[in-house]
Amino acid sequence: MAKILIAEDERDIRDLVAFTLRFAGHEVTAATNGEEAVELAPKINPDLILMDVRMPRMTGYEACKIMKTMPGIKEIPVVFLTARGQESEIQQGLGAGAEEYLLKPFAPDQLTERVKAILAKFGK
């Protein structure tokens, strides 16, 4: 299956997402903030990056913008996981280079279906 990098500062959510994706057969690496995700992405070269928007040290928006300038990383699809569904927030995320937004809370099967569809779109 796919290699997926998760950046989420809330441990319970991070653990749930990681467990769900591992159960679906994916290889998962977890980061606790955007800065850590920017450091990990070139090392693990994931097929997909899932990021929370609001995190300490570096927001998901900031991390996404940086990743979209990095050779070898900029083509990796980024999906934001957030509880904030306002249109302005979504536009800001898409403007930062994200492929899609998934609103929290979401059911585990919803997550695996969206991940499957996004990976298929990118030939992974």
N, C-alpha and C. Protein backbone atom coordinates (compact mmCIF):
# COMPACT_ATOMS: atom_id res chain seq x y z
N MET A 1 0.82 -1.19 0.00
CA MET A 1 0.00 0.00 0.00
C MET A 1 0.87 1.26 0.00
N ALA A 2 0.31 2.36 0.44
CA ALA A 2 0.99 3.66 0.35
C ALA A 2 1.72 4.03 1.64
N LYS A 3 2.72 4.91 1.47
CA LYS A 3 3.39 5.53 2.62
C LYS A 3 2.69 6.85 2.88
N ILE A 4 2.26 7.06 4.11
CA ILE A 4 1.50 8.25 4.47
C ILE A 4 2.15 8.93 5.67
N LEU A 5 2.33 10.25 5.54
CA LEU A 5 2.84 11.06 6.64
C LEU A 5 1.67 11.81 7.25
N ILE A 6 1.51 11.71 8.56
CA ILE A 6 0.46 12.42 9.29
C ILE A 6 1.12 13.47 10.16
N ALA A 7 0.60 14.69 10.13
CA ALA A 7 1.05 15.74 11.05
C ALA A 7 -0.17 16.21 11.83
N GLU A 8 -0.19 15.87 13.11
CA GLU A 8 -1.34 16.18 13.99
C GLU A 8 -0.82 16.33 15.40
N ASP A 9 -1.12 17.47 16.04
CA ASP A 9 -0.59 17.71 17.38
C ASP A 9 -1.40 17.03 18.48
N GLU A 10 -2.65 16.71 18.23
CA GLU A 10 -3.46 16.03 19.25
C GLU A 10 -3.23 14.53 19.18
N ARG A 11 -2.63 13.99 20.24
CA ARG A 11 -2.21 12.59 20.23
C ARG A 11 -3.35 11.62 19.94
N ASP A 12 -4.52 11.81 20.55
CA ASP A 12 -5.63 10.88 20.33
C ASP A 12 -6.04 10.83 18.86
N ILE A 13 -6.11 11.98 18.24
CA ILE A 13 -6.49 12.03 16.83
C ILE A 13 -5.39 11.42 15.97
N ARG A 14 -4.14 11.78 16.28
CA ARG A 14 -3.00 11.23 15.54
C ARG A 14 -2.99 9.70 15.63
N ASP A 15 -3.19 9.18 16.83
CA ASP A 15 -3.19 7.73 17.02
C ASP A 15 -4.35 7.06 16.28
N LEU A 16 -5.52 7.69 16.32
CA LEU A 16 -6.69 7.13 15.63
C LEU A 16 -6.48 7.10 14.12
N VAL A 17 -5.98 8.19 13.57
CA VAL A 17 -5.74 8.25 12.12
C VAL A 17 -4.67 7.23 11.73
N ALA A 18 -3.59 7.17 12.50
CA ALA A 18 -2.53 6.21 12.21
C ALA A 18 -3.04 4.78 12.27
N PHE A 19 -3.79 4.45 13.33
CA PHE A 19 -4.34 3.10 13.48
C PHE A 19 -5.25 2.76 12.31
N THR A 20 -6.13 3.70 11.96
CA THR A 20 -7.08 3.48 10.86
C THR A 20 -6.36 3.20 9.55
N LEU A 21 -5.35 4.00 9.25
CA LEU A 21 -4.63 3.83 7.99
C LEU A 21 -3.74 2.60 7.99
N ARG A 22 -3.16 2.28 9.14
CA ARG A 22 -2.36 1.04 9.22
C ARG A 22 -3.27 -0.19 9.06
N PHE A 23 -4.44 -0.12 9.66
CA PHE A 23 -5.40 -1.22 9.53
C PHE A 23 -5.80 -1.42 8.07
N ALA A 24 -5.83 -0.33 7.31
CA ALA A 24 -6.16 -0.40 5.87
C ALA A 24 -4.96 -0.84 5.04
N GLY A 25 -3.81 -1.07 5.70
CA GLY A 25 -2.65 -1.61 5.01
C GLY A 25 -1.57 -0.61 4.64
N HIS A 26 -1.70 0.63 5.08
CA HIS A 26 -0.73 1.66 4.73
C HIS A 26 0.42 1.70 5.74
N GLU A 27 1.55 2.22 5.28
CA GLU A 27 2.70 2.47 6.15
C GLU A 27 2.58 3.92 6.62
N VAL A 28 2.54 4.14 7.91
CA VAL A 28 2.26 5.47 8.45
C VAL A 28 3.42 5.97 9.31
N THR A 29 3.79 7.23 9.06
CA THR A 29 4.76 7.94 9.90
C THR A 29 4.03 9.14 10.47
N ALA A 30 4.21 9.39 11.76
CA ALA A 30 3.49 10.49 12.42
C ALA A 30 4.43 11.58 12.89
N ALA A 31 3.99 12.83 12.67
CA ALA A 31 4.68 14.01 13.16
C ALA A 31 3.74 14.74 14.10
N THR A 32 4.31 15.48 15.05
CA THR A 32 3.46 16.16 16.04
C THR A 32 3.22 17.64 15.71
N ASN A 33 3.87 18.15 14.67
CA ASN A 33 3.64 19.53 14.25
C ASN A 33 4.13 19.72 12.81
N GLY A 34 3.86 20.89 12.26
CA GLY A 34 4.23 21.16 10.88
C GLY A 34 5.72 21.16 10.63
N GLU A 35 6.47 21.70 11.57
CA GLU A 35 7.92 21.74 11.44
C GLU A 35 8.51 20.33 11.33
N GLU A 36 8.03 19.44 12.17
CA GLU A 36 8.49 18.04 12.13
C GLU A 36 8.10 17.38 10.81
N ALA A 37 6.91 17.70 10.30
CA ALA A 37 6.47 17.14 9.02
C ALA A 37 7.37 17.59 7.88
N VAL A 38 7.77 18.87 7.89
CA VAL A 38 8.67 19.39 6.85
C VAL A 38 10.02 18.66 6.91
N GLU A 39 10.50 18.34 8.11
CA GLU A 39 11.76 17.62 8.27
C GLU A 39 11.64 16.16 7.82
N LEU A 40 10.51 15.53 8.15
CA LEU A 40 10.33 14.11 7.84
C LEU A 40 10.03 13.82 6.37
N ALA A 41 9.28 14.69 5.72
CA ALA A 41 8.81 14.42 4.35
C ALA A 41 9.93 14.03 3.38
N PRO A 42 11.04 14.78 3.30
CA PRO A 42 12.08 14.36 2.35
C PRO A 42 12.78 13.07 2.75
N LYS A 43 12.77 12.74 4.03
CA LYS A 43 13.43 11.52 4.50
C LYS A 43 12.63 10.27 4.16
N ILE A 44 11.30 10.36 4.25
CA ILE A 44 10.48 9.16 4.03
C ILE A 44 9.81 9.14 2.66
N ASN A 45 9.77 10.29 1.98
CA ASN A 45 9.18 10.40 0.65
C ASN A 45 7.79 9.73 0.59
N PRO A 46 6.83 10.27 1.33
CA PRO A 46 5.51 9.64 1.39
C PRO A 46 4.72 9.80 0.09
N ASP A 47 3.69 8.97 -0.07
CA ASP A 47 2.79 9.08 -1.21
C ASP A 47 1.70 10.11 -0.96
N LEU A 48 1.46 10.39 0.33
CA LEU A 48 0.39 11.31 0.73
C LEU A 48 0.76 11.92 2.08
N ILE A 49 0.39 13.20 2.26
CA ILE A 49 0.61 13.88 3.53
C ILE A 49 -0.74 14.37 4.05
N LEU A 50 -1.09 13.97 5.28
CA LEU A 50 -2.29 14.43 5.95
C LEU A 50 -1.86 15.35 7.08
N MET A 51 -2.39 16.58 7.09
CA MET A 51 -1.97 17.55 8.09
C MET A 51 -3.13 18.28 8.73
N ASP A 52 -3.01 18.45 10.03
CA ASP A 52 -3.90 19.34 10.75
C ASP A 52 -3.54 20.76 10.34
N VAL A 53 -4.48 21.68 10.47
CA VAL A 53 -4.22 23.08 10.14
C VAL A 53 -3.56 23.79 11.31
N ARG A 54 -4.17 23.69 12.48
CA ARG A 54 -3.69 24.41 13.67
C ARG A 54 -2.77 23.51 14.49
N MET A 55 -1.47 23.83 14.43
CA MET A 55 -0.48 23.08 15.20
C MET A 55 0.54 24.05 15.76
N PRO A 56 1.20 23.66 16.86
CA PRO A 56 2.27 24.52 17.41
C PRO A 56 3.50 24.47 16.51
N ARG A 57 4.36 25.46 16.68
CA ARG A 57 5.66 25.57 16.00
C ARG A 57 5.54 25.93 14.53
N MET A 58 4.60 25.32 13.80
CA MET A 58 4.37 25.66 12.40
C MET A 58 3.00 25.13 12.01
N THR A 59 2.16 25.99 11.46
CA THR A 59 0.83 25.56 11.08
C THR A 59 0.90 24.63 9.85
N GLY A 60 -0.20 23.96 9.61
CA GLY A 60 -0.29 23.14 8.41
C GLY A 60 -0.14 23.96 7.15
N TYR A 61 -0.72 25.17 7.15
CA TYR A 61 -0.59 26.05 5.98
C TYR A 61 0.87 26.38 5.70
N GLU A 62 1.59 26.77 6.75
CA GLU A 62 3.00 27.12 6.59
C GLU A 62 3.81 25.92 6.10
N ALA A 63 3.57 24.76 6.71
CA ALA A 63 4.29 23.54 6.32
C ALA A 63 4.00 23.18 4.87
N CYS A 64 2.75 23.29 4.46
CA CYS A 64 2.37 22.95 3.09
C CYS A 64 3.07 23.88 2.10
N LYS A 65 3.06 25.18 2.39
CA LYS A 65 3.72 26.14 1.50
C LYS A 65 5.20 25.82 1.34
N ILE A 66 5.86 25.46 2.44
CA ILE A 66 7.28 25.11 2.36
C ILE A 66 7.47 23.84 1.54
N MET A 67 6.65 22.81 1.81
CA MET A 67 6.79 21.55 1.09
C MET A 67 6.57 21.72 -0.41
N LYS A 68 5.70 22.63 -0.78
CA LYS A 68 5.39 22.84 -2.20
C LYS A 68 6.52 23.56 -2.94
N THR A 69 7.58 23.95 -2.22
CA THR A 69 8.77 24.53 -2.86
C THR A 69 9.95 23.56 -2.86
N MET A 70 9.78 22.40 -2.23
CA MET A 70 10.89 21.46 -2.06
C MET A 70 10.95 20.45 -3.21
N PRO A 71 12.08 20.39 -3.93
CA PRO A 71 12.22 19.39 -4.99
C PRO A 71 12.02 17.98 -4.43
N GLY A 72 11.31 17.17 -5.17
CA GLY A 72 11.05 15.79 -4.76
C GLY A 72 9.89 15.64 -3.79
N ILE A 73 9.44 16.74 -3.19
CA ILE A 73 8.34 16.71 -2.23
C ILE A 73 7.12 17.46 -2.78
N LYS A 74 7.38 18.48 -3.60
CA LYS A 74 6.30 19.38 -4.02
C LYS A 74 5.16 18.70 -4.78
N GLU A 75 5.41 17.53 -5.37
CA GLU A 75 4.36 16.84 -6.11
C GLU A 75 3.49 15.94 -5.22
N ILE A 76 3.88 15.75 -3.98
CA ILE A 76 3.13 14.88 -3.08
C ILE A 76 1.83 15.57 -2.68
N PRO A 77 0.68 14.90 -2.83
CA PRO A 77 -0.58 15.54 -2.43
C PRO A 77 -0.66 15.73 -0.91
N VAL A 78 -1.15 16.91 -0.54
CA VAL A 78 -1.35 17.26 0.87
C VAL A 78 -2.85 17.41 1.10
N VAL A 79 -3.34 16.78 2.16
CA VAL A 79 -4.75 16.89 2.55
C VAL A 79 -4.80 17.43 3.97
N PHE A 80 -5.59 18.49 4.16
CA PHE A 80 -5.74 19.05 5.50
C PHE A 80 -6.87 18.36 6.24
N LEU A 81 -6.62 18.05 7.49
CA LEU A 81 -7.63 17.52 8.41
C LEU A 81 -7.92 18.65 9.39
N THR A 82 -9.16 19.10 9.43
CA THR A 82 -9.45 20.24 10.29
C THR A 82 -10.90 20.24 10.75
N ALA A 83 -11.12 20.86 11.89
CA ALA A 83 -12.48 21.04 12.39
C ALA A 83 -13.06 22.35 11.86
N ARG A 84 -12.23 23.15 11.22
CA ARG A 84 -12.65 24.45 10.72
C ARG A 84 -13.07 24.32 9.26
N GLY A 85 -14.36 24.42 9.01
CA GLY A 85 -14.87 24.23 7.67
C GLY A 85 -15.31 25.49 6.96
N GLN A 86 -14.94 26.67 7.50
CA GLN A 86 -15.33 27.91 6.85
C GLN A 86 -14.70 28.01 5.46
N GLU A 87 -15.44 28.60 4.54
CA GLU A 87 -14.96 28.73 3.16
C GLU A 87 -13.61 29.44 3.10
N SER A 88 -13.41 30.47 3.92
CA SER A 88 -12.14 31.20 3.90
C SER A 88 -10.98 30.30 4.31
N GLU A 89 -11.22 29.44 5.30
CA GLU A 89 -10.18 28.50 5.74
C GLU A 89 -9.85 27.50 4.62
N ILE A 90 -10.89 27.00 3.98
CA ILE A 90 -10.68 26.03 2.89
C ILE A 90 -9.90 26.69 1.76
N GLN A 91 -10.27 27.90 1.39
CA GLN A 91 -9.56 28.61 0.32
C GLN A 91 -8.10 28.87 0.69
N GLN A 92 -7.86 29.19 1.95
CA GLN A 92 -6.48 29.41 2.40
C GLN A 92 -5.67 28.13 2.25
N GLY A 93 -6.26 27.00 2.63
CA GLY A 93 -5.57 25.72 2.51
C GLY A 93 -5.30 25.33 1.08
N LEU A 94 -6.29 25.51 0.22
CA LEU A 94 -6.11 25.19 -1.19
C LEU A 94 -5.07 26.13 -1.81
N GLY A 95 -5.09 27.39 -1.36
CA GLY A 95 -4.11 28.36 -1.83
C GLY A 95 -2.69 28.01 -1.41
N ALA A 96 -2.55 27.32 -0.29
CA ALA A 96 -1.24 26.89 0.19
C ALA A 96 -0.72 25.68 -0.58
N GLY A 97 -1.60 25.07 -1.39
CA GLY A 97 -1.17 23.93 -2.20
C GLY A 97 -1.81 22.61 -1.85
N ALA A 98 -2.78 22.63 -0.95
CA ALA A 98 -3.43 21.37 -0.55
C ALA A 98 -4.31 20.83 -1.68
N GLU A 99 -4.40 19.54 -1.71
CA GLU A 99 -5.25 18.85 -2.68
C GLU A 99 -6.70 18.85 -2.24
N GLU A 100 -6.90 18.71 -0.92
CA GLU A 100 -8.26 18.54 -0.42
C GLU A 100 -8.31 18.85 1.07
N TYR A 101 -9.53 19.00 1.56
CA TYR A 101 -9.82 19.22 2.97
C TYR A 101 -10.70 18.09 3.46
N LEU A 102 -10.41 17.53 4.61
CA LEU A 102 -11.30 16.58 5.28
C LEU A 102 -11.68 17.20 6.61
N LEU A 103 -12.97 17.31 6.85
CA LEU A 103 -13.44 17.94 8.09
C LEU A 103 -13.54 16.93 9.22
N LYS A 104 -13.03 17.33 10.40
CA LYS A 104 -13.18 16.53 11.62
C LYS A 104 -14.51 16.91 12.25
N PRO A 105 -15.18 16.01 12.89
CA PRO A 105 -14.82 14.59 13.01
C PRO A 105 -15.21 13.84 11.74
N PHE A 106 -14.51 12.76 11.48
CA PHE A 106 -14.83 11.90 10.35
C PHE A 106 -14.80 10.46 10.84
N ALA A 107 -15.56 9.63 10.17
CA ALA A 107 -15.58 8.20 10.51
C ALA A 107 -14.34 7.54 9.89
N PRO A 108 -13.79 6.52 10.55
CA PRO A 108 -12.62 5.84 9.99
C PRO A 108 -12.83 5.35 8.56
N ASP A 109 -14.01 4.82 8.25
CA ASP A 109 -14.23 4.34 6.88
C ASP A 109 -14.27 5.50 5.88
N GLN A 110 -14.73 6.67 6.31
CA GLN A 110 -14.69 7.87 5.46
C GLN A 110 -13.25 8.21 5.13
N LEU A 111 -12.41 8.19 6.15
CA LEU A 111 -11.00 8.51 5.97
C LEU A 111 -10.34 7.55 4.99
N THR A 112 -10.53 6.27 5.18
CA THR A 112 -9.88 5.29 4.30
C THR A 112 -10.39 5.41 2.86
N GLU A 113 -11.67 5.71 2.68
CA GLU A 113 -12.21 5.88 1.32
C GLU A 113 -11.63 7.11 0.64
N ARG A 114 -11.54 8.23 1.37
CA ARG A 114 -10.97 9.46 0.79
C ARG A 114 -9.49 9.25 0.44
N VAL A 115 -8.75 8.61 1.35
CA VAL A 115 -7.33 8.35 1.10
C VAL A 115 -7.18 7.47 -0.13
N LYS A 116 -7.98 6.44 -0.23
CA LYS A 116 -7.94 5.53 -1.38
C LYS A 116 -8.20 6.30 -2.69
N ALA A 117 -9.21 7.17 -2.67
CA ALA A 117 -9.57 7.95 -3.87
C ALA A 117 -8.45 8.92 -4.25
N ILE A 118 -7.87 9.57 -3.27
CA ILE A 118 -6.80 10.54 -3.56
C ILE A 118 -5.56 9.83 -4.09
N LEU A 119 -5.20 8.70 -3.49
CA LEU A 119 -4.06 7.93 -3.97
C LEU A 119 -4.29 7.45 -5.40
N ALA A 120 -5.51 6.99 -5.69
CA ALA A 120 -5.84 6.53 -7.04
C ALA A 120 -5.71 7.68 -8.05
N LYS A 121 -6.14 8.86 -7.65
CA LYS A 121 -6.05 10.03 -8.53
C LYS A 121 -4.61 10.34 -8.90
N PHE A 122 -3.69 10.05 -7.97
CA PHE A 122 -2.28 10.34 -8.21
C PHE A 122 -1.50 9.09 -8.64
N GLY A 123 -2.21 8.03 -8.98
CA GLY A 123 -1.57 6.82 -9.50
C GLY A 123 -0.73 6.07 -8.48
N LYS A 124 -1.14 6.12 -7.22
CA LYS A 124 -0.39 5.45 -6.15
C LYS A 124 -1.15 4.22 -5.67
